[in-house]
Structure formats: C-alpha cells, structure tokens
N, C-alpha and C. Protein backbone atom coordinates (compact mmCIF):
# COMPACT_ATOMS: atom_id res chain seq x y z
N UNK A 1 0.84 -1.18 0.00
CA UNK A 1 0.00 0.00 0.00
C UNK A 1 0.89 1.24 0.00
N UNK A 2 0.54 2.23 -0.83
CA UNK A 2 1.32 3.46 -0.95
C UNK A 2 1.12 4.34 0.28
N UNK A 3 2.23 4.92 0.71
CA UNK A 3 2.16 5.83 1.85
C UNK A 3 2.51 7.23 1.36
N UNK A 4 1.93 8.19 2.02
CA UNK A 4 2.31 9.58 1.75
C UNK A 4 3.36 9.99 2.76
N UNK A 5 4.31 10.75 2.31
CA UNK A 5 5.35 11.23 3.21
C UNK A 5 5.26 12.75 3.28
N UNK A 6 5.55 13.28 4.43
CA UNK A 6 5.61 14.73 4.60
C UNK A 6 7.08 15.12 4.58
N UNK A 7 7.42 16.02 3.66
CA UNK A 7 8.81 16.46 3.50
C UNK A 7 8.83 17.98 3.63
N UNK A 8 9.63 18.51 4.55
CA UNK A 8 9.68 19.98 4.67
C UNK A 8 10.42 20.60 3.49
N UNK A 9 9.92 21.73 3.03
CA UNK A 9 10.55 22.47 1.95
C UNK A 9 10.74 23.89 2.47
N UNK A 10 11.94 24.41 2.37
CA UNK A 10 12.23 25.76 2.83
C UNK A 10 12.37 26.69 1.63
N UNK A 11 11.63 27.79 1.68
CA UNK A 11 11.72 28.81 0.64
C UNK A 11 11.86 30.16 1.32
N UNK A 12 12.48 31.09 0.63
CA UNK A 12 12.63 32.44 1.16
C UNK A 12 11.28 33.13 1.32
N UNK A 13 11.25 34.13 2.18
CA UNK A 13 9.99 34.82 2.48
C UNK A 13 9.38 35.48 1.24
N UNK A 14 10.20 36.18 0.45
CA UNK A 14 9.69 36.84 -0.76
C UNK A 14 9.16 35.81 -1.76
N UNK A 15 9.87 34.70 -1.91
CA UNK A 15 9.43 33.67 -2.83
C UNK A 15 8.11 33.07 -2.34
N UNK A 16 7.99 32.88 -1.03
CA UNK A 16 6.75 32.32 -0.47
C UNK A 16 5.59 33.28 -0.70
N UNK A 17 5.83 34.59 -0.54
CA UNK A 17 4.77 35.58 -0.80
C UNK A 17 4.32 35.50 -2.26
N UNK A 18 5.31 35.41 -3.17
CA UNK A 18 4.97 35.31 -4.59
C UNK A 18 4.20 34.02 -4.87
N UNK A 19 4.64 32.92 -4.26
CA UNK A 19 3.92 31.65 -4.43
C UNK A 19 2.51 31.73 -3.88
N UNK A 20 2.36 32.37 -2.73
CA UNK A 20 1.02 32.51 -2.14
C UNK A 20 0.11 33.32 -3.06
N UNK A 21 0.66 34.38 -3.67
CA UNK A 21 -0.14 35.19 -4.60
C UNK A 21 -0.53 34.36 -5.82
N UNK A 22 0.42 33.60 -6.35
CA UNK A 22 0.13 32.74 -7.50
C UNK A 22 -0.93 31.70 -7.12
N UNK A 23 -0.75 31.09 -5.98
CA UNK A 23 -1.70 30.06 -5.52
C UNK A 23 -3.09 30.65 -5.34
N UNK A 24 -3.14 31.89 -4.83
CA UNK A 24 -4.43 32.53 -4.61
C UNK A 24 -5.24 32.69 -5.87
N UNK A 25 -4.58 32.82 -7.03
CA UNK A 25 -5.32 32.94 -8.28
C UNK A 25 -6.04 31.65 -8.64
N UNK A 26 -5.60 30.53 -8.04
CA UNK A 26 -6.23 29.23 -8.29
C UNK A 26 -7.02 28.73 -7.09
N UNK A 27 -7.03 29.52 -6.00
CA UNK A 27 -7.77 29.12 -4.81
C UNK A 27 -7.12 27.96 -4.06
N UNK A 28 -5.80 27.85 -4.13
CA UNK A 28 -5.08 26.80 -3.40
C UNK A 28 -3.99 27.45 -2.56
N UNK A 29 -3.33 26.66 -1.75
CA UNK A 29 -2.25 27.18 -0.90
C UNK A 29 -0.92 27.17 -1.65
N UNK A 30 0.05 27.91 -1.11
CA UNK A 30 1.39 27.92 -1.69
C UNK A 30 1.98 26.51 -1.65
N UNK A 31 1.70 25.77 -0.59
CA UNK A 31 2.19 24.41 -0.46
C UNK A 31 1.64 23.52 -1.57
N UNK A 32 0.39 23.77 -1.97
CA UNK A 32 -0.21 22.99 -3.06
C UNK A 32 0.47 23.31 -4.39
N UNK A 33 0.84 24.58 -4.61
CA UNK A 33 1.56 24.93 -5.83
C UNK A 33 2.89 24.20 -5.87
N UNK A 34 3.59 24.16 -4.74
CA UNK A 34 4.87 23.45 -4.68
C UNK A 34 4.66 21.97 -4.99
N UNK A 35 3.65 21.38 -4.36
CA UNK A 35 3.38 19.95 -4.58
C UNK A 35 3.07 19.67 -6.04
N UNK A 36 2.26 20.52 -6.66
CA UNK A 36 1.88 20.32 -8.07
C UNK A 36 3.04 20.58 -9.02
N UNK A 37 4.05 21.31 -8.55
CA UNK A 37 5.21 21.60 -9.39
C UNK A 37 6.19 20.44 -9.45
N UNK A 38 6.06 19.51 -8.55
CA UNK A 38 6.96 18.36 -8.53
C UNK A 38 6.56 17.39 -9.63
N UNK A 39 7.54 16.70 -10.21
CA UNK A 39 7.19 15.75 -11.28
C UNK A 39 6.42 14.56 -10.73
N UNK A 40 5.52 14.02 -11.55
CA UNK A 40 4.78 12.83 -11.10
C UNK A 40 5.62 11.58 -11.32
N UNK A 41 5.13 10.46 -10.86
CA UNK A 41 5.89 9.20 -10.92
C UNK A 41 6.25 8.80 -12.35
N UNK A 42 5.34 9.04 -13.30
CA UNK A 42 5.61 8.66 -14.68
C UNK A 42 6.77 9.47 -15.25
N UNK A 43 6.85 10.75 -14.91
CA UNK A 43 7.95 11.59 -15.39
C UNK A 43 9.26 11.12 -14.79
N UNK A 44 9.24 10.79 -13.51
CA UNK A 44 10.46 10.31 -12.85
C UNK A 44 10.93 9.02 -13.50
N UNK A 45 10.00 8.11 -13.76
CA UNK A 45 10.34 6.84 -14.41
C UNK A 45 10.93 7.05 -15.79
N UNK A 46 10.32 7.97 -16.56
CA UNK A 46 10.82 8.25 -17.91
C UNK A 46 12.22 8.87 -17.85
N UNK A 47 12.45 9.73 -16.86
CA UNK A 47 13.77 10.33 -16.71
C UNK A 47 14.82 9.24 -16.50
N UNK A 48 14.55 8.28 -15.64
CA UNK A 48 15.54 7.23 -15.38
C UNK A 48 15.71 6.31 -16.59
N UNK A 49 14.65 6.10 -17.38
CA UNK A 49 14.81 5.34 -18.62
C UNK A 49 15.71 6.10 -19.60
N UNK A 50 15.54 7.41 -19.67
CA UNK A 50 16.40 8.23 -20.54
C UNK A 50 17.84 8.15 -20.08
N UNK A 51 18.06 8.10 -18.80
CA UNK A 51 19.43 8.03 -18.27
C UNK A 51 20.12 6.72 -18.65
N UNK A 52 19.32 5.68 -18.89
CA UNK A 52 19.92 4.42 -19.35
C UNK A 52 20.63 4.63 -20.68
N UNK A 53 20.05 5.45 -21.56
CA UNK A 53 20.60 5.67 -22.89
C UNK A 53 21.54 6.88 -22.93
N UNK A 54 21.29 7.83 -22.05
CA UNK A 54 22.12 9.05 -21.99
C UNK A 54 22.56 9.22 -20.54
N UNK A 55 23.61 8.52 -20.13
CA UNK A 55 24.02 8.54 -18.72
C UNK A 55 24.34 9.93 -18.18
N UNK A 56 24.73 10.86 -19.02
CA UNK A 56 25.08 12.20 -18.54
C UNK A 56 23.88 13.11 -18.32
N UNK A 57 22.67 12.64 -18.61
CA UNK A 57 21.48 13.47 -18.45
C UNK A 57 21.26 13.79 -16.98
N UNK A 58 21.04 15.07 -16.69
CA UNK A 58 20.81 15.50 -15.31
C UNK A 58 19.42 16.14 -15.21
N UNK A 59 18.83 16.03 -14.03
CA UNK A 59 17.48 16.55 -13.82
C UNK A 59 17.41 18.05 -14.05
N UNK A 60 18.46 18.79 -13.68
CA UNK A 60 18.42 20.24 -13.86
C UNK A 60 18.26 20.63 -15.32
N UNK A 61 18.80 19.82 -16.24
CA UNK A 61 18.61 20.08 -17.67
C UNK A 61 17.13 19.94 -18.04
N UNK A 62 16.50 18.91 -17.53
CA UNK A 62 15.08 18.66 -17.81
C UNK A 62 14.24 19.79 -17.20
N UNK A 63 14.55 20.16 -15.96
CA UNK A 63 13.78 21.21 -15.29
C UNK A 63 13.93 22.55 -16.01
N UNK A 64 15.13 22.84 -16.54
CA UNK A 64 15.33 24.09 -17.27
C UNK A 64 14.47 24.16 -18.52
N UNK A 65 14.28 23.03 -19.18
CA UNK A 65 13.40 22.99 -20.35
C UNK A 65 11.98 23.38 -19.94
N UNK A 66 11.54 22.87 -18.79
CA UNK A 66 10.20 23.21 -18.31
C UNK A 66 10.07 24.68 -17.95
N UNK A 67 11.08 25.23 -17.26
CA UNK A 67 11.04 26.64 -16.89
C UNK A 67 11.07 27.52 -18.14
N UNK A 68 11.88 27.14 -19.12
CA UNK A 68 11.95 27.90 -20.36
C UNK A 68 10.61 27.87 -21.09
N UNK A 69 9.99 26.70 -21.13
CA UNK A 69 8.68 26.58 -21.80
C UNK A 69 7.63 27.43 -21.08
N UNK A 70 7.66 27.46 -19.76
CA UNK A 70 6.71 28.27 -19.00
C UNK A 70 6.92 29.75 -19.32
N UNK A 71 8.18 30.19 -19.29
CA UNK A 71 8.47 31.60 -19.59
C UNK A 71 8.00 31.97 -20.99
N UNK A 72 8.28 31.11 -21.98
CA UNK A 72 7.87 31.39 -23.35
C UNK A 72 6.35 31.44 -23.47
N UNK A 73 5.67 30.52 -22.79
CA UNK A 73 4.21 30.49 -22.81
C UNK A 73 3.65 31.78 -22.19
N UNK A 74 4.21 32.18 -21.05
CA UNK A 74 3.73 33.40 -20.40
C UNK A 74 4.04 34.64 -21.24
N UNK A 75 5.19 34.69 -21.87
CA UNK A 75 5.51 35.82 -22.75
C UNK A 75 4.52 35.91 -23.91
N UNK A 76 4.19 34.76 -24.49
CA UNK A 76 3.24 34.74 -25.60
C UNK A 76 1.86 35.22 -25.13
N UNK A 77 1.44 34.77 -23.95
CA UNK A 77 0.15 35.21 -23.41
C UNK A 77 0.16 36.70 -23.11
N UNK A 78 1.29 37.19 -22.55
CA UNK A 78 1.42 38.61 -22.24
C UNK A 78 1.32 39.44 -23.52
N UNK A 79 2.04 39.05 -24.56
CA UNK A 79 2.00 39.79 -25.82
C UNK A 79 0.61 39.78 -26.45
N UNK A 80 -0.06 38.63 -26.36
CA UNK A 80 -1.42 38.55 -26.89
C UNK A 80 -2.35 39.50 -26.12
N UNK A 81 -2.24 39.51 -24.80
CA UNK A 81 -3.06 40.40 -23.99
C UNK A 81 -2.74 41.86 -24.26
N UNK A 82 -1.45 42.17 -24.42
CA UNK A 82 -1.04 43.53 -24.70
C UNK A 82 -1.58 43.99 -26.05
N UNK A 83 -1.51 43.11 -27.06
CA UNK A 83 -2.05 43.44 -28.39
C UNK A 83 -3.54 43.71 -28.30
N UNK A 84 -4.28 42.87 -27.57
CA UNK A 84 -5.72 43.06 -27.41
C UNK A 84 -6.02 44.38 -26.69
N UNK A 85 -5.25 44.67 -25.64
CA UNK A 85 -5.44 45.91 -24.90
C UNK A 85 -5.22 47.12 -25.80
N UNK A 86 -4.12 47.12 -26.56
CA UNK A 86 -3.83 48.24 -27.44
C UNK A 86 -4.89 48.37 -28.53
N UNK A 87 -5.39 47.24 -29.02
CA UNK A 87 -6.43 47.27 -30.05
C UNK A 87 -7.71 47.93 -29.51
N UNK A 88 -8.01 47.72 -28.22
CA UNK A 88 -9.19 48.36 -27.63
C UNK A 88 -9.06 49.88 -27.69
N UNK A 89 -7.83 50.38 -27.61
CA UNK A 89 -7.60 51.82 -27.67
C UNK A 89 -7.38 52.32 -29.10
N UNK A 90 -7.33 51.40 -30.06
CA UNK A 90 -7.18 51.78 -31.46
C UNK A 90 -5.74 51.97 -31.90
N UNK A 91 -4.80 51.36 -31.20
CA UNK A 91 -3.38 51.41 -31.58
C UNK A 91 -2.84 49.99 -31.61
N UNK A 92 -1.55 49.84 -31.94
CA UNK A 92 -0.96 48.51 -32.04
C UNK A 92 0.41 48.49 -31.38
N UNK A 93 1.05 47.32 -31.39
CA UNK A 93 2.40 47.18 -30.84
C UNK A 93 3.40 48.02 -31.61
N UNK A 94 3.12 48.32 -32.87
CA UNK A 94 4.03 49.11 -33.68
C UNK A 94 3.87 50.60 -33.42
N UNK A 95 2.85 50.99 -32.68
CA UNK A 95 2.62 52.41 -32.38
C UNK A 95 3.68 52.92 -31.42
N UNK A 96 3.98 54.19 -31.53
CA UNK A 96 4.96 54.79 -30.62
C UNK A 96 4.31 55.03 -29.26
N UNK A 97 5.13 55.30 -28.27
CA UNK A 97 4.62 55.59 -26.93
C UNK A 97 3.74 56.84 -26.97
N UNK A 98 4.12 57.82 -27.77
CA UNK A 98 3.31 59.04 -27.90
C UNK A 98 1.93 58.73 -28.49
N UNK A 99 1.90 57.85 -29.48
CA UNK A 99 0.62 57.46 -30.09
C UNK A 99 -0.27 56.73 -29.09
N UNK A 100 0.32 55.86 -28.28
CA UNK A 100 -0.45 55.13 -27.27
C UNK A 100 -0.99 56.11 -26.23
N UNK A 101 -0.15 57.03 -25.79
CA UNK A 101 -0.57 58.04 -24.81
C UNK A 101 -1.68 58.92 -25.38
N UNK A 102 -1.55 59.31 -26.64
CA UNK A 102 -2.58 60.12 -27.29
C UNK A 102 -3.90 59.35 -27.40
N UNK A 103 -3.82 58.05 -27.70
CA UNK A 103 -5.03 57.22 -27.79
C UNK A 103 -5.71 57.12 -26.43
N UNK A 104 -4.93 56.99 -25.36
CA UNK A 104 -5.51 56.92 -24.02
C UNK A 104 -6.18 58.25 -23.66
N UNK A 105 -5.53 59.37 -23.95
CA UNK A 105 -6.13 60.69 -23.68
C UNK A 105 -7.42 60.87 -24.51
N UNK A 106 -7.37 60.45 -25.78
CA UNK A 106 -8.55 60.56 -26.65
C UNK A 106 -9.71 59.74 -26.10
N UNK A 107 -9.42 58.51 -25.64
CA UNK A 107 -10.48 57.65 -25.10
C UNK A 107 -11.10 58.28 -23.86
N UNK A 108 -10.26 58.81 -22.97
CA UNK A 108 -10.80 59.49 -21.78
C UNK A 108 -11.64 60.70 -22.16
N UNK A 109 -11.13 61.50 -23.11
CA UNK A 109 -11.86 62.70 -23.54
C UNK A 109 -13.20 62.34 -24.17
N UNK A 110 -13.23 61.29 -25.01
CA UNK A 110 -14.48 60.87 -25.65
C UNK A 110 -15.50 60.46 -24.60
N UNK A 111 -15.05 59.67 -23.60
CA UNK A 111 -16.00 59.22 -22.57
C UNK A 111 -16.48 60.38 -21.73
N UNK A 112 -15.60 61.34 -21.40
CA UNK A 112 -16.00 62.48 -20.57
C UNK A 112 -16.94 63.42 -21.32
N UNK A 113 -16.79 63.53 -22.63
CA UNK A 113 -17.62 64.44 -23.43
C UNK A 113 -19.03 63.91 -23.64
N UNK A 114 -19.24 62.63 -23.48
CA UNK A 114 -20.55 62.02 -23.73
C UNK A 114 -21.48 62.30 -22.55
N UNK A 115 -22.72 62.77 -22.82
CA UNK A 115 -23.66 63.02 -21.71
C UNK A 115 -23.98 61.73 -20.91
N UNK A 116 -24.02 60.60 -21.60
CA UNK A 116 -24.28 59.32 -20.91
C UNK A 116 -22.93 58.62 -20.70
N UNK A 117 -22.05 59.29 -19.98
CA UNK A 117 -20.69 58.79 -19.82
C UNK A 117 -20.58 57.86 -18.61
N UNK A 118 -19.45 57.19 -18.50
CA UNK A 118 -19.20 56.40 -17.30
C UNK A 118 -19.19 57.29 -16.07
N UNK A 119 -19.35 56.70 -14.91
CA UNK A 119 -19.39 57.47 -13.68
C UNK A 119 -18.04 58.14 -13.42
N UNK A 120 -18.06 59.18 -12.59
CA UNK A 120 -16.81 59.87 -12.23
C UNK A 120 -15.84 58.89 -11.59
N UNK A 121 -16.37 57.95 -10.83
CA UNK A 121 -15.51 56.93 -10.20
C UNK A 121 -14.82 56.08 -11.26
N UNK A 122 -15.57 55.66 -12.29
CA UNK A 122 -14.98 54.84 -13.35
C UNK A 122 -13.96 55.64 -14.14
N UNK A 123 -14.24 56.91 -14.41
CA UNK A 123 -13.30 57.77 -15.14
C UNK A 123 -12.02 57.94 -14.32
N UNK A 124 -12.15 58.19 -13.03
CA UNK A 124 -10.97 58.37 -12.17
C UNK A 124 -10.13 57.11 -12.14
N UNK A 125 -10.78 55.96 -12.05
CA UNK A 125 -10.04 54.69 -12.04
C UNK A 125 -9.35 54.47 -13.39
N UNK A 126 -10.02 54.84 -14.48
CA UNK A 126 -9.43 54.68 -15.81
C UNK A 126 -8.22 55.58 -15.99
N UNK A 127 -8.23 56.77 -15.37
CA UNK A 127 -7.07 57.66 -15.44
C UNK A 127 -5.84 57.03 -14.79
N UNK A 128 -6.07 56.27 -13.73
CA UNK A 128 -4.96 55.68 -12.96
C UNK A 128 -4.52 54.33 -13.49
N UNK A 129 -5.39 53.61 -14.19
CA UNK A 129 -5.09 52.23 -14.59
C UNK A 129 -5.34 52.08 -16.09
N UNK A 130 -4.26 51.98 -16.86
CA UNK A 130 -4.36 51.91 -18.32
C UNK A 130 -5.10 50.66 -18.78
N UNK A 131 -4.94 49.56 -18.07
CA UNK A 131 -5.63 48.33 -18.46
C UNK A 131 -7.14 48.49 -18.26
N UNK A 132 -7.52 49.04 -17.10
CA UNK A 132 -8.94 49.30 -16.84
C UNK A 132 -9.50 50.27 -17.87
N UNK A 133 -8.73 51.29 -18.25
CA UNK A 133 -9.16 52.24 -19.27
C UNK A 133 -9.54 51.51 -20.56
N UNK A 134 -8.70 50.55 -20.97
CA UNK A 134 -9.00 49.81 -22.20
C UNK A 134 -10.30 49.04 -22.10
N UNK A 135 -10.52 48.35 -20.97
CA UNK A 135 -11.76 47.60 -20.79
C UNK A 135 -12.97 48.52 -20.70
N UNK A 136 -12.83 49.63 -19.97
CA UNK A 136 -13.95 50.56 -19.82
C UNK A 136 -14.29 51.19 -21.17
N UNK A 137 -13.27 51.63 -21.91
CA UNK A 137 -13.50 52.26 -23.21
C UNK A 137 -14.19 51.30 -24.16
N UNK A 138 -13.74 50.05 -24.19
CA UNK A 138 -14.35 49.04 -25.05
C UNK A 138 -15.81 48.80 -24.65
N UNK A 139 -16.06 48.65 -23.34
CA UNK A 139 -17.43 48.42 -22.87
C UNK A 139 -18.31 49.64 -23.15
N UNK A 140 -17.77 50.84 -22.98
CA UNK A 140 -18.53 52.06 -23.25
C UNK A 140 -18.92 52.14 -24.72
N UNK A 141 -17.97 51.85 -25.62
CA UNK A 141 -18.28 51.86 -27.06
C UNK A 141 -19.35 50.82 -27.39
N UNK A 142 -19.24 49.65 -26.78
CA UNK A 142 -20.24 48.60 -27.05
C UNK A 142 -21.61 49.00 -26.51
N UNK A 143 -21.64 49.63 -25.34
CA UNK A 143 -22.91 50.09 -24.77
C UNK A 143 -23.53 51.17 -25.67
N UNK A 144 -22.70 52.10 -26.18
CA UNK A 144 -23.19 53.15 -27.07
C UNK A 144 -23.75 52.56 -28.36
N UNK A 145 -23.18 51.44 -28.80
CA UNK A 145 -23.64 50.79 -30.04
C UNK A 145 -24.86 49.91 -29.79
N UNK A 146 -25.26 49.76 -28.52
CA UNK A 146 -26.43 48.93 -28.20
C UNK A 146 -26.16 47.44 -28.25
N UNK A 147 -24.92 47.07 -28.12
CA UNK A 147 -24.56 45.64 -28.15
C UNK A 147 -25.14 44.94 -26.91
N UNK A 148 -25.76 43.77 -27.10
CA UNK A 148 -26.34 43.05 -25.96
C UNK A 148 -25.29 42.75 -24.89
N UNK A 149 -25.70 42.90 -23.63
CA UNK A 149 -24.81 42.63 -22.51
C UNK A 149 -24.10 43.87 -22.00
N UNK A 150 -24.15 44.98 -22.75
CA UNK A 150 -23.48 46.23 -22.35
C UNK A 150 -24.52 47.32 -22.22
N UNK A 151 -24.37 48.16 -21.19
CA UNK A 151 -25.34 49.24 -20.98
C UNK A 151 -24.68 50.37 -20.20
N UNK A 152 -25.28 51.57 -20.38
CA UNK A 152 -24.95 52.71 -19.53
C UNK A 152 -26.23 52.99 -18.77
N UNK A 153 -26.20 52.85 -17.46
CA UNK A 153 -27.41 52.96 -16.67
C UNK A 153 -27.13 53.71 -15.38
N UNK A 154 -28.18 54.24 -14.80
CA UNK A 154 -28.07 54.90 -13.49
C UNK A 154 -27.88 53.82 -12.43
N UNK A 155 -26.82 53.97 -11.65
CA UNK A 155 -26.47 52.96 -10.67
C UNK A 155 -26.16 53.65 -9.35
N UNK A 156 -26.55 53.03 -8.25
CA UNK A 156 -26.20 53.53 -6.92
C UNK A 156 -24.77 53.09 -6.63
N UNK A 157 -23.85 54.04 -6.59
CA UNK A 157 -22.44 53.73 -6.36
C UNK A 157 -22.03 53.99 -4.91
N UNK A 158 -23.00 54.02 -4.01
CA UNK A 158 -22.74 54.35 -2.61
C UNK A 158 -21.60 53.59 -1.98
N UNK A 159 -21.54 52.28 -2.17
CA UNK A 159 -20.48 51.48 -1.55
C UNK A 159 -19.12 51.81 -2.15
N UNK A 160 -19.10 52.23 -3.39
CA UNK A 160 -17.83 52.51 -4.07
C UNK A 160 -17.35 53.93 -3.82
N UNK A 161 -18.27 54.91 -3.86
CA UNK A 161 -17.87 56.31 -3.80
C UNK A 161 -18.30 57.02 -2.54
N UNK A 162 -19.21 56.46 -1.79
CA UNK A 162 -19.73 57.13 -0.60
C UNK A 162 -20.89 58.05 -0.91
N UNK A 163 -21.25 58.21 -2.17
CA UNK A 163 -22.34 59.08 -2.58
C UNK A 163 -23.66 58.33 -2.52
N UNK A 164 -24.73 59.05 -2.18
CA UNK A 164 -26.06 58.42 -2.16
C UNK A 164 -26.84 58.70 -3.44
N UNK A 165 -26.25 59.50 -4.34
CA UNK A 165 -26.90 59.83 -5.60
C UNK A 165 -26.61 58.77 -6.66
N UNK A 166 -27.63 58.32 -7.39
CA UNK A 166 -27.36 57.42 -8.51
C UNK A 166 -26.57 58.17 -9.59
N UNK A 167 -25.69 57.46 -10.26
CA UNK A 167 -24.87 58.06 -11.30
C UNK A 167 -24.85 57.13 -12.51
N UNK A 168 -24.66 57.72 -13.71
CA UNK A 168 -24.54 56.85 -14.88
C UNK A 168 -23.24 56.04 -14.78
N UNK A 169 -23.31 54.79 -15.17
CA UNK A 169 -22.13 53.93 -15.13
C UNK A 169 -22.22 52.91 -16.24
N UNK A 170 -21.07 52.46 -16.70
CA UNK A 170 -21.01 51.44 -17.73
C UNK A 170 -21.12 50.08 -17.06
N UNK A 171 -22.02 49.25 -17.59
CA UNK A 171 -22.25 47.91 -17.05
C UNK A 171 -21.98 46.86 -18.13
N UNK A 172 -21.45 45.74 -17.72
CA UNK A 172 -21.31 44.60 -18.61
C UNK A 172 -22.02 43.45 -17.91
N UNK A 173 -23.00 42.87 -18.57
CA UNK A 173 -23.81 41.79 -18.02
C UNK A 173 -24.39 42.20 -16.66
N UNK A 174 -24.91 43.43 -16.62
CA UNK A 174 -25.52 44.01 -15.42
C UNK A 174 -24.57 44.11 -14.23
N UNK A 175 -23.29 44.09 -14.48
CA UNK A 175 -22.26 44.22 -13.43
C UNK A 175 -21.44 45.48 -13.71
N UNK A 176 -21.17 46.22 -12.66
CA UNK A 176 -20.33 47.41 -12.77
C UNK A 176 -18.92 46.98 -13.15
N UNK A 177 -18.34 47.66 -14.14
CA UNK A 177 -16.95 47.36 -14.52
C UNK A 177 -16.01 47.85 -13.46
C-alpha cells in the first residue's frame, strides 16, 4: 500500500509571498503549488529510462526545459493580452509611446464628453489604470452601439464612492466594470 510522506521544503519569504499570490489565483495554498510543481511518478520513471541511454542526463537540464517553456508560454500570453489591450484603444504594438498616450487621452476625452458617460468613479479609475481604461472604453463603445450585454445605466455607487446619488455607469452583463 502506498504511503504519503511529509517532507519539509524551505523557501525564502519573498518567494513564499509570490507563491502565495500565485496560488491565490487558483484558490489553493502555496504548499499545493509546490506539490503540483513536482514531477509525477511517470515523469520520474521516464527520466531514469532516458538516463539508461544518456548517462550524462541530469534533472536540472530537464527542469530548465520546463522553466523555459513556461516563460515562453507566459511571454506569448502577455504579448497577446497587450495586443488586445492596445487594439481596444485603437493602436498597435508598432505604435509609438506618444501614439499610445494620445489614444488613451482621446479615449478618456471621448468618454468624458458624452452626456451618458461612465461614472466619475470609473473615469478616475481609468485615469490611474491603463488596463482598466482599455476595458472601460471598449465596454462604453459597445454600450453606445447597443450591443447586448453592455449598458450605460443609473447605478447607486454608494459602496464605491460614498455618494447616495445614482450616477450613470457602464455595465457589462448588469455588473459594474
């Protein structure tokens, strides 16, 4: 019968904080991320079979391939997300920093000039967060076009802003952005 063993693993405090943050995105503990990062029995068996044919093969070489693949995968995802974000503002990766900044200012100005604009709270948040600006601008354009699932409606923002007055706000699927 298989037994489970408890093995202590020591990691630095900063690394543990980063692991805890990563784990939190999946709703698991940092310890669970560590456990899931370890190779399973089939991988270990395959490694030792490879060593029969290539005696100089070391585990660190195999692990580096995995780390490299993860980095490349994350870079590809980051670039895809960045391209989508820039497209929401009407620019691309080939645009200059000045063009991107001008597109962000234009998007804010367009939303502020519209009588049925996003709430002051949403505009303020968009000024501080470029990613949020892209999502808000996209949702605002879709709401203006009457696309299903998007709306500009009077909403009580009391919990968010402390105000008791309803204000126009951009909604996606009846949820405040």
